[in-house]
Amino acid sequence: MSSSNVDKILELGGTNNKYQYILLFVSFISWANTMLTAIGLPFLEKVPDISYRDPSTSEIIHTQLSYEICNDPSIQYNITNTYEYSFVISTGIECDQIKTGLIGTTTYFGNFLGSLLFNFIADTKGRKNTFILSNVLYLIFTFLFNFANDYYSIIVLLFLSNIFAMVINFSCLVLIEETTSTKIRGIFGTIVNAGFPSCALFYFPLFSYLGKWKYVFQVNALTALVVLIIFYLFGYESPRLLISQGKIDEAIDIVKNLAKFHNMEKKSNQMIHTA
């Protein structure tokens, strides 16, 4: 089957209509939600404010705790602000440079591994199943942060949740690219990718006003649940993927469902045999 015939079949179901805009909404919110932790790490890794008496001048210094101060036995400091939304302070690693650095490394290594795994999972399980399964696992791992009280459990959950964060993101992005018209595909991809920096608009009030870092993950889990429900109710497998696998009848059934969703069923049934 030629690519022009594939495009024609997809157009019969509507490739610039409300289904694509639902996918766009789901994809944008997913990107913003799943990348919130990664982009907010400067808040999560924040160290406490302290005060201490300078041994050489006896002057009282108010500053943030640093590794130089941690390693200086002559300085006796008092913590003046602990920032409960900080992983570093919650786990008591503010003076451990290696453990603090591993928070960011673990998060982005999970992103890296998820990016590598996406193609294998999505091509074998399909875009829809990959998106749903990844959302379920991401929801579970982010919810489990409510019970994480030590450094190592937090590190493991960061790694696992960020693996599936990237699988979610690439699944919805590819699904959009395979079900929309070439006329709007570029702008849709741009909007979805904008979800990554857009979450920066939300992390300041979340980290600063929710008070505790666990609340941020509760918001993550709740948002993932809402996205999952919307996609489960309205999402379809990519017809283009099914056609590439030779599953023409399944692809046409999905196109017919999309045509019905867009009130194009009569036109679609009349024309689909010519594709």
Protein backbone atom coordinates (compact mmCIF):
# COMPACT_ATOMS: atom_id res chain seq x y z
CA MET A 1 0.00 0.00 0.00
CA SER A 2 1.42 3.38 -1.01
CA SER A 3 1.92 6.18 1.48
CA SER A 4 -0.63 8.29 -0.40
CA ASN A 5 -3.29 5.60 0.13
CA VAL A 6 -2.39 5.37 3.82
CA ASP A 7 -2.85 9.13 4.16
CA LYS A 8 -6.15 8.92 2.30
CA ILE A 9 -7.46 6.23 4.65
CA LEU A 10 -6.49 8.31 7.67
CA GLU A 11 -8.11 11.43 6.26
CA LEU A 12 -11.41 9.56 5.98
CA GLY A 13 -11.50 9.39 9.77
CA GLY A 14 -10.58 13.04 10.21
CA THR A 15 -6.97 14.12 10.71
CA ASN A 16 -7.63 17.72 11.75
CA ASN A 17 -10.53 17.45 14.14
CA LYS A 18 -11.45 17.13 17.80
CA TYR A 19 -9.78 13.71 18.32
CA GLN A 20 -6.38 15.18 17.45
CA TYR A 21 -6.98 18.08 19.81
CA ILE A 22 -7.80 15.67 22.63
CA LEU A 23 -4.50 13.90 21.89
CA LEU A 24 -2.75 17.25 21.88
CA PHE A 25 -4.18 18.13 25.29
CA VAL A 26 -3.26 14.73 26.75
CA SER A 27 0.25 14.90 25.32
CA PHE A 28 0.97 18.45 26.47
CA ILE A 29 -0.24 17.80 30.02
CA SER A 30 1.71 14.52 30.13
CA TRP A 31 4.96 16.23 29.10
CA ALA A 32 4.49 19.01 31.63
CA ASN A 33 3.55 16.61 34.43
CA THR A 34 6.20 13.94 33.92
CA MET A 35 9.05 16.42 33.46
CA LEU A 36 8.11 18.46 36.53
CA THR A 37 10.48 16.57 38.82
CA ALA A 38 13.44 16.75 36.46
CA ILE A 39 13.13 20.47 35.79
CA GLY A 40 12.44 21.19 39.46
CA LEU A 41 15.55 19.45 40.81
CA PRO A 42 17.17 22.74 41.93
CA PHE A 43 14.31 23.02 44.41
CA LEU A 44 14.39 19.37 45.42
CA GLU A 45 18.16 19.53 46.01
CA LYS A 46 18.06 22.77 48.00
CA VAL A 47 20.35 22.94 51.04
CA PRO A 48 19.40 24.60 54.36
CA ASP A 49 20.03 28.16 55.42
CA ILE A 50 22.44 28.39 58.34
CA SER A 51 24.12 30.87 60.64
CA TYR A 52 27.55 30.56 62.25
CA ARG A 53 30.22 32.62 63.96
CA ASP A 54 33.25 33.27 61.78
CA PRO A 55 36.21 31.81 63.74
CA SER A 56 38.57 34.55 62.54
CA THR A 57 36.39 37.64 63.06
CA SER A 58 33.66 36.41 65.45
CA GLU A 59 31.16 37.91 63.00
CA ILE A 60 27.80 36.13 62.66
CA ILE A 61 27.38 34.86 59.11
CA HIS A 62 24.00 34.04 57.56
CA THR A 63 24.29 31.90 54.41
CA GLN A 64 23.45 28.57 52.83
CA LEU A 65 25.23 25.43 53.92
CA SER A 66 28.10 24.51 51.61
CA TYR A 67 30.51 21.60 51.38
CA GLU A 68 33.33 23.90 52.48
CA ILE A 69 31.46 24.66 55.70
CA CYS A 70 30.57 20.97 56.16
CA ASN A 71 34.26 20.05 55.92
CA ASP A 72 35.54 22.80 58.19
CA PRO A 73 35.74 21.42 61.76
CA SER A 74 36.24 24.91 63.18
CA ILE A 75 32.73 26.03 62.16
CA GLN A 76 29.74 25.19 64.32
CA TYR A 77 26.59 26.18 62.42
CA ASN A 78 22.91 26.37 63.28
CA ILE A 79 20.22 25.54 60.71
CA THR A 80 17.78 28.46 60.40
CA ASN A 81 15.55 27.19 57.55
CA THR A 82 15.17 23.53 56.63
CA TYR A 83 12.93 23.72 53.49
CA GLU A 84 10.69 20.68 53.85
CA TYR A 85 10.24 20.49 50.07
CA SER A 86 13.91 19.51 49.67
CA PHE A 87 15.03 15.90 49.14
CA VAL A 88 18.47 16.82 50.42
CA ILE A 89 17.27 17.99 53.81
CA SER A 90 14.62 15.29 54.20
CA THR A 91 17.21 12.58 53.69
CA GLY A 92 19.94 14.30 55.73
CA ILE A 93 22.54 14.30 52.93
CA GLU A 94 23.21 18.04 52.78
CA CYS A 95 26.87 17.42 53.61
CA ASP A 96 27.28 14.41 51.31
CA GLN A 97 28.35 15.67 47.88
CA ILE A 98 28.16 12.27 46.17
CA LYS A 99 24.67 11.37 47.39
CA THR A 100 23.36 14.83 46.55
CA GLY A 101 24.75 14.63 43.01
CA LEU A 102 23.27 11.17 42.51
CA ILE A 103 19.76 12.60 42.86
CA GLY A 104 20.07 14.45 39.56
CA THR A 105 22.11 11.70 37.91
CA THR A 106 19.56 9.03 38.79
CA THR A 107 16.67 11.14 37.50
CA TYR A 108 18.22 11.85 34.12
CA PHE A 109 19.64 8.34 33.74
CA GLY A 110 16.06 7.10 34.08
CA ASN A 111 15.08 9.54 31.30
CA PHE A 112 17.94 8.23 29.17
CA LEU A 113 17.02 4.58 29.65
CA GLY A 114 13.34 5.26 28.98
CA SER A 115 14.27 6.98 25.72
CA LEU A 116 16.20 3.87 24.63
CA LEU A 117 13.42 1.49 25.62
CA PHE A 118 10.60 3.40 23.95
CA ASN A 119 11.11 2.23 20.39
CA PHE A 120 11.21 -1.46 21.36
CA ILE A 121 8.16 -1.26 23.62
CA ALA A 122 6.03 0.92 21.35
CA ASP A 123 6.73 -1.15 18.23
CA THR A 124 5.96 -4.46 19.95
CA LYS A 125 3.09 -3.43 22.23
CA GLY A 126 1.66 -0.59 20.16
CA ARG A 127 1.41 3.14 20.88
CA LYS A 128 -1.84 2.97 22.84
CA ASN A 129 -0.89 0.06 25.09
CA THR A 130 2.54 1.57 25.70
CA PHE A 131 1.01 4.89 26.69
CA ILE A 132 -1.54 3.29 29.04
CA LEU A 133 0.89 0.84 30.67
CA SER A 134 3.56 3.53 31.14
CA ASN A 135 1.04 5.89 32.71
CA VAL A 136 -0.12 3.19 35.12
CA LEU A 137 3.46 2.43 36.20
CA TYR A 138 4.36 6.11 36.44
CA LEU A 139 1.26 6.71 38.56
CA ILE A 140 2.18 3.82 40.89
CA PHE A 141 5.81 4.89 41.34
CA THR A 142 4.95 8.54 41.95
CA PHE A 143 2.27 7.55 44.45
CA LEU A 144 4.79 5.40 46.32
CA PHE A 145 6.83 8.53 47.07
CA ASN A 146 4.29 9.12 49.84
CA PHE A 147 5.88 6.20 51.69
CA ALA A 148 9.52 6.92 50.83
CA ASN A 149 11.38 8.21 53.87
CA ASP A 150 14.98 7.22 53.22
CA TYR A 151 17.52 8.17 50.59
CA TYR A 152 17.74 4.85 48.78
CA SER A 153 13.99 4.35 48.35
CA ILE A 154 13.76 7.87 46.91
CA ILE A 155 16.62 7.18 44.49
CA VAL A 156 15.01 3.93 43.28
CA LEU A 157 11.62 5.58 42.78
CA LEU A 158 13.18 8.53 40.96
CA PHE A 159 14.92 6.14 38.58
CA LEU A 160 11.84 4.01 37.89
CA SER A 161 9.35 6.85 37.55
CA ASN A 162 11.59 8.74 35.12
CA ILE A 163 12.07 5.69 32.91
CA PHE A 164 8.33 5.58 32.29
CA ALA A 165 8.05 9.36 32.12
CA MET A 166 10.00 9.30 28.87
CA VAL A 167 8.12 6.30 27.48
CA ILE A 168 4.86 8.18 28.12
CA ASN A 169 6.14 11.30 26.41
CA PHE A 170 7.47 9.64 23.29
CA SER A 171 4.36 7.45 22.97
CA CYS A 172 1.96 10.38 22.87
CA LEU A 173 4.26 12.42 20.62
CA VAL A 174 4.56 9.61 18.05
CA LEU A 175 0.83 8.90 18.26
CA ILE A 176 0.10 12.51 17.38
CA GLU A 177 2.53 12.46 14.49
CA GLU A 178 0.94 9.30 13.08
CA THR A 179 -2.69 10.44 13.32
CA THR A 180 -2.64 14.11 12.30
CA SER A 181 -2.49 15.88 9.00
CA THR A 182 0.92 16.95 7.72
CA LYS A 183 -0.46 20.51 7.73
CA ILE A 184 -0.70 20.62 11.53
CA ARG A 185 1.80 17.94 12.54
CA GLY A 186 4.66 20.40 12.95
CA ILE A 187 2.80 22.86 15.16
CA PHE A 188 1.33 20.02 17.23
CA GLY A 189 4.83 18.62 17.81
CA THR A 190 6.05 22.07 18.81
CA ILE A 191 3.21 22.51 21.31
CA VAL A 192 3.79 19.08 22.86
CA ASN A 193 7.52 19.70 23.24
CA ALA A 194 6.71 23.04 24.86
CA GLY A 195 5.22 21.05 27.73
CA PHE A 196 8.76 20.47 29.05
CA PRO A 197 9.66 24.13 29.71
CA SER A 198 6.05 25.04 30.48
CA CYS A 199 6.11 22.97 33.66
CA ALA A 200 8.64 25.48 34.99
CA LEU A 201 5.69 27.88 35.33
CA PHE A 202 4.16 25.54 37.91
CA TYR A 203 7.06 24.21 39.95
CA PHE A 204 7.67 27.41 41.90
CA PRO A 205 4.20 27.53 43.51
CA LEU A 206 4.16 23.76 43.90
CA PHE A 207 7.51 23.47 45.67
CA SER A 208 7.24 26.75 47.54
CA TYR A 209 3.62 26.75 48.70
CA LEU A 210 2.70 23.08 49.00
CA GLY A 211 5.36 22.87 51.67
CA LYS A 212 6.55 19.27 51.33
CA TRP A 213 8.18 17.53 48.39
CA LYS A 214 5.79 14.57 48.75
CA TYR A 215 2.87 16.81 47.84
CA VAL A 216 4.49 17.45 44.46
CA PHE A 217 4.40 13.74 43.69
CA GLN A 218 0.79 13.53 44.82
CA VAL A 219 0.00 16.20 42.21
CA ASN A 220 2.02 14.16 39.67
CA ALA A 221 0.07 10.99 40.43
CA LEU A 222 -3.32 12.73 40.33
CA THR A 223 -2.55 14.43 37.02
CA ALA A 224 -1.31 11.15 35.53
CA LEU A 225 -4.57 9.50 36.61
CA VAL A 226 -6.69 12.19 34.92
CA VAL A 227 -4.65 11.93 31.71
CA LEU A 228 -4.89 8.13 31.80
CA ILE A 229 -8.68 8.22 32.14
CA ILE A 230 -9.08 10.71 29.27
CA PHE A 231 -6.82 8.70 26.98
CA TYR A 232 -8.44 5.40 27.91
CA LEU A 233 -11.87 6.78 27.06
CA PHE A 234 -10.92 8.49 23.79
CA GLY A 235 -7.58 7.07 22.63
CA TYR A 236 -7.07 4.65 19.75
CA GLU A 237 -4.12 2.70 18.45
CA SER A 238 -2.25 4.37 15.62
CA PRO A 239 -3.85 3.25 12.32
CA ARG A 240 -0.58 4.03 10.55
CA LEU A 241 1.28 1.56 12.79
CA LEU A 242 -1.33 -1.14 12.14
CA ILE A 243 -1.13 -0.56 8.38
CA SER A 244 2.66 -0.86 8.52
CA GLN A 245 2.19 -4.21 10.27
CA GLY A 246 -0.24 -5.42 7.62
CA LYS A 247 -3.26 -5.20 9.94
CA ILE A 248 -5.36 -3.32 7.41
CA ASP A 249 -8.78 -4.37 8.71
CA GLU A 250 -7.94 -3.28 12.27
CA ALA A 251 -6.67 0.06 10.99
CA ILE A 252 -9.83 0.62 8.94
CA ASP A 253 -12.01 -0.21 11.96
CA ILE A 254 -10.21 2.50 13.94
CA VAL A 255 -10.60 4.96 11.06
CA LYS A 256 -14.33 4.19 10.99
CA ASN A 257 -14.57 4.83 14.74
CA LEU A 258 -12.77 8.14 14.30
CA ALA A 259 -15.10 9.05 11.44
CA LYS A 260 -18.07 8.30 13.69
CA PHE A 261 -16.49 10.39 16.46
CA HIS A 262 -16.20 13.29 13.98
CA ASN A 263 -19.68 12.78 12.47
CA MET A 264 -18.06 11.76 9.17
CA GLU A 265 -19.26 8.15 9.21
CA LYS A 266 -21.48 8.34 6.11
CA LYS A 267 -18.80 10.00 3.98
CA SER A 268 -16.16 7.60 5.24
CA ASN A 269 -18.20 4.48 4.44
CA GLN A 270 -18.88 5.76 0.96
CA MET A 271 -15.24 6.50 0.16
CA ILE A 272 -13.16 3.99 2.11
CA HIS A 273 -13.31 1.28 -0.59
CA THR A 274 -11.54 3.61 -3.04
CA ALA A 275 -8.46 4.06 -0.82
